[in-house]
């Protein structure tokens, strides 16, 4: 019974490799010079990563007007794990620091 309770609300773990998506998102965010607001937003939602991804899942029919459904599914899957959010934050910070080093 205790095993059932411990796994009753467990979300399935993603088996996807999100490195390409993380690099794409980091590049686009930094190209728009939105690194600081993006890092602030990502750091604030990290404790609620699963809840945030579930909220996006509920809102996906509305958001599909602006974002392709396949891309939305990838982002929702990415946000399931706080570790992926940390990888995205690191990628954004790395990309944002690159122009400052070359100047």
C-alpha atoms as a PDB file:
ATOM      1  CA  UNK A   1       0.000   0.000   0.000  1.00  0.00           C
ATOM      2  CA  UNK A   2       2.803   2.449   0.829  1.00  0.00           C
ATOM      3  CA  UNK A   3       4.412   1.749  -2.572  1.00  0.00           C
ATOM      4  CA  UNK A   4       1.142   2.676  -4.278  1.00  0.00           C
ATOM      5  CA  UNK A   5       0.857   5.928  -2.343  1.00  0.00           C
ATOM      6  CA  UNK A   6       4.450   6.921  -3.080  1.00  0.00           C
ATOM      7  CA  UNK A   7       3.907   6.448  -6.827  1.00  0.00           C
ATOM      8  CA  UNK A   8       0.258   7.481  -7.098  1.00  0.00           C
ATOM      9  CA  UNK A   9       0.970  10.965  -8.433  1.00  0.00           C
ATOM     10  CA  UNK A  10       4.319  10.327 -10.114  1.00  0.00           C
ATOM     11  CA  UNK A  11       4.555  11.736 -13.613  1.00  0.00           C
ATOM     12  CA  UNK A  12       6.220   9.619 -16.286  1.00  0.00           C
ATOM     13  CA  UNK A  13       9.907  10.352 -16.765  1.00  0.00           C
ATOM     14  CA  UNK A  14      10.951  11.688 -20.146  1.00  0.00           C
ATOM     15  CA  UNK A  15      13.356   9.645 -22.230  1.00  0.00           C
ATOM     16  CA  UNK A  16      14.032  12.451 -24.730  1.00  0.00           C
ATOM     17  CA  UNK A  17      17.337  14.204 -25.197  1.00  0.00           C
ATOM     18  CA  UNK A  18      16.652  17.921 -24.822  1.00  0.00           C
ATOM     19  CA  UNK A  19      20.113  19.300 -25.670  1.00  0.00           C
ATOM     20  CA  UNK A  20      19.159  20.530 -29.151  1.00  0.00           C
ATOM     21  CA  UNK A  21      15.998  22.215 -27.852  1.00  0.00           C
ATOM     22  CA  UNK A  22      17.908  23.830 -24.984  1.00  0.00           C
ATOM     23  CA  UNK A  23      20.525  25.238 -27.373  1.00  0.00           C
ATOM     24  CA  UNK A  24      17.836  26.505 -29.759  1.00  0.00           C
ATOM     25  CA  UNK A  25      15.898  28.213 -26.970  1.00  0.00           C
ATOM     26  CA  UNK A  26      19.056  29.732 -25.482  1.00  0.00           C
ATOM     27  CA  UNK A  27      20.122  31.094 -28.870  1.00  0.00           C
ATOM     28  CA  UNK A  28      16.709  32.624 -29.576  1.00  0.00           C
ATOM     29  CA  UNK A  29      16.405  34.152 -26.114  1.00  0.00           C
ATOM     30  CA  UNK A  30      19.857  35.724 -26.311  1.00  0.00           C
ATOM     31  CA  UNK A  31      19.271  36.948 -29.874  1.00  0.00           C
ATOM     32  CA  UNK A  32      16.274  38.894 -28.582  1.00  0.00           C
ATOM     33  CA  UNK A  33      18.335  40.204 -25.631  1.00  0.00           C
ATOM     34  CA  UNK A  34      15.925  38.659 -23.154  1.00  0.00           C
ATOM     35  CA  UNK A  35      18.482  36.656 -21.175  1.00  0.00           C
ATOM     36  CA  UNK A  36      17.955  38.372 -17.807  1.00  0.00           C
ATOM     37  CA  UNK A  37      14.123  38.187 -17.822  1.00  0.00           C
ATOM     38  CA  UNK A  38      14.238  34.586 -19.073  1.00  0.00           C
ATOM     39  CA  UNK A  39      16.670  33.508 -16.343  1.00  0.00           C
ATOM     40  CA  UNK A  40      14.534  35.264 -13.716  1.00  0.00           C
ATOM     41  CA  UNK A  41      11.390  33.527 -14.970  1.00  0.00           C
ATOM     42  CA  UNK A  42      13.048  30.113 -15.214  1.00  0.00           C
ATOM     43  CA  UNK A  43      14.590  30.364 -11.751  1.00  0.00           C
ATOM     44  CA  UNK A  44      11.219  31.343 -10.279  1.00  0.00           C
ATOM     45  CA  UNK A  45       9.335  28.426 -11.862  1.00  0.00           C
ATOM     46  CA  UNK A  46      12.005  25.805 -11.125  1.00  0.00           C
ATOM     47  CA  UNK A  47      10.449  24.682  -7.800  1.00  0.00           C
ATOM     48  CA  UNK A  48       7.109  24.271  -9.564  1.00  0.00           C
ATOM     49  CA  UNK A  49       8.451  22.699 -12.759  1.00  0.00           C
ATOM     50  CA  UNK A  50       5.913  19.898 -13.010  1.00  0.00           C
ATOM     51  CA  UNK A  51       3.010  22.177 -12.181  1.00  0.00           C
ATOM     52  CA  UNK A  52       4.192  24.677 -14.780  1.00  0.00           C
ATOM     53  CA  UNK A  53       4.433  22.000 -17.446  1.00  0.00           C
ATOM     54  CA  UNK A  54       0.949  20.765 -16.570  1.00  0.00           C
ATOM     55  CA  UNK A  55      -0.385  24.327 -16.801  1.00  0.00           C
ATOM     56  CA  UNK A  56       1.166  24.665 -20.250  1.00  0.00           C
ATOM     57  CA  UNK A  57      -0.409  21.341 -21.195  1.00  0.00           C
ATOM     58  CA  UNK A  58      -3.839  22.669 -20.241  1.00  0.00           C
ATOM     59  CA  UNK A  59      -3.206  25.932 -22.102  1.00  0.00           C
ATOM     60  CA  UNK A  60      -1.686  24.257 -25.159  1.00  0.00           C
ATOM     61  CA  UNK A  61      -4.831  24.559 -27.324  1.00  0.00           C
ATOM     62  CA  UNK A  62      -4.764  28.324 -26.820  1.00  0.00           C
ATOM     63  CA  UNK A  63      -0.990  28.580 -27.183  1.00  0.00           C
ATOM     64  CA  UNK A  64      -1.037  26.514 -30.384  1.00  0.00           C
ATOM     65  CA  UNK A  65      -2.115  29.714 -32.141  1.00  0.00           C
ATOM     66  CA  UNK A  66       1.376  31.102 -31.523  1.00  0.00           C
ATOM     67  CA  UNK A  67       3.564  27.977 -31.255  1.00  0.00           C
ATOM     68  CA  UNK A  68       3.542  24.775 -33.295  1.00  0.00           C
ATOM     69  CA  UNK A  69       1.988  21.848 -31.450  1.00  0.00           C
ATOM     70  CA  UNK A  70       5.095  19.669 -31.826  1.00  0.00           C
ATOM     71  CA  UNK A  71       7.325  22.394 -30.386  1.00  0.00           C
ATOM     72  CA  UNK A  72       4.875  22.949 -27.528  1.00  0.00           C
ATOM     73  CA  UNK A  73       5.016  19.244 -26.674  1.00  0.00           C
ATOM     74  CA  UNK A  74       8.820  19.399 -26.599  1.00  0.00           C
ATOM     75  CA  UNK A  75       8.800  22.427 -24.281  1.00  0.00           C
ATOM     76  CA  UNK A  76       6.219  20.825 -21.985  1.00  0.00           C
ATOM     77  CA  UNK A  77       8.354  17.693 -21.819  1.00  0.00           C
ATOM     78  CA  UNK A  78      11.449  19.825 -21.147  1.00  0.00           C
ATOM     79  CA  UNK A  79       9.788  21.596 -18.233  1.00  0.00           C
ATOM     80  CA  UNK A  80       8.842  18.326 -16.509  1.00  0.00           C
ATOM     81  CA  UNK A  81      12.260  18.129 -14.845  1.00  0.00           C
ATOM     82  CA  UNK A  82      13.897  20.908 -12.793  1.00  0.00           C
ATOM     83  CA  UNK A  83      17.280  19.602 -13.997  1.00  0.00           C
ATOM     84  CA  UNK A  84      16.368  20.567 -17.577  1.00  0.00           C
ATOM     85  CA  UNK A  85      15.437  24.051 -16.439  1.00  0.00           C
ATOM     86  CA  UNK A  86      18.854  24.378 -14.791  1.00  0.00           C
ATOM     87  CA  UNK A  87      20.519  23.269 -18.042  1.00  0.00           C
ATOM     88  CA  UNK A  88      18.525  25.885 -19.949  1.00  0.00           C
ATOM     89  CA  UNK A  89      19.504  28.612 -17.480  1.00  0.00           C
ATOM     90  CA  UNK A  90      23.187  27.654 -17.813  1.00  0.00           C
ATOM     91  CA  UNK A  91      22.948  27.672 -21.611  1.00  0.00           C
ATOM     92  CA  UNK A  92      21.327  31.123 -21.589  1.00  0.00           C
ATOM     93  CA  UNK A  93      23.952  32.500 -19.216  1.00  0.00           C
ATOM     94  CA  UNK A  94      26.752  31.030 -21.344  1.00  0.00           C
ATOM     95  CA  UNK A  95      25.327  32.493 -24.541  1.00  0.00           C
ATOM     96  CA  UNK A  96      24.709  35.878 -22.905  1.00  0.00           C
ATOM     97  CA  UNK A  97      28.329  36.020 -21.665  1.00  0.00           C
ATOM     98  CA  UNK A  98      29.876  35.231 -25.057  1.00  0.00           C
ATOM     99  CA  UNK A  99      29.368  38.678 -26.689  1.00  0.00           C
ATOM    100  CA  UNK A 100      30.679  40.395 -23.548  1.00  0.00           C
ATOM    101  CA  UNK A 101      33.909  38.365 -23.748  1.00  0.00           C
ATOM    102  CA  UNK A 102      34.539  39.163 -27.405  1.00  0.00           C
ATOM    103  CA  UNK A 103      33.994  42.928 -26.978  1.00  0.00           C
END
